[in-house]
Amino acid sequence: EEWREDPRFDTAAGLSANRTARMDLIGEALRGFTCEQALAVLEANDVPAAPVNHPREKVLTDPQVVHNRTVVRSHHPTGGPMQQAAPAARFHAPFALRHHAPLIGEHNAEVLGEAGFTPEEVAG
């Protein structure tokens, strides 16, 4: 309640300028709570909140990430198994990775050919 009255936090500029103080106060208030307990208290008080998933493995197994197919798994010819974020914008067809990330120089001949170089110049 006293944070609402604190003039350091009464404007967006104030919130930004006093970020360190604000984060210290929040840290003190949440010390001793587990993540689940803190989320329950915040939710009970109509405070929008969500966990920050860390380490990386928690993100990859988060039910919403799995349900929304946010992570795409693929196999790179030299890098092996890979995981990456799917595009945020999705349309009618489900997203599928069509190509791996190019290897260094993999498309040089094609790109240089399109730029007008002859095969001899490219090989040269």
Foldseek 3Di string as FASTA:
>chain_A
DVVCVDPCPVDPVSCVVCVVVVVVVVCVVCPPPDPVRVVVVCVVVVHDDDDDDDDPVCVCPPPVCVVVVQKDWDQDPPPGIDIDGDDPDDDDDDDDDDDDPDDVPNCVVVVVVVVPDDPVRSVD
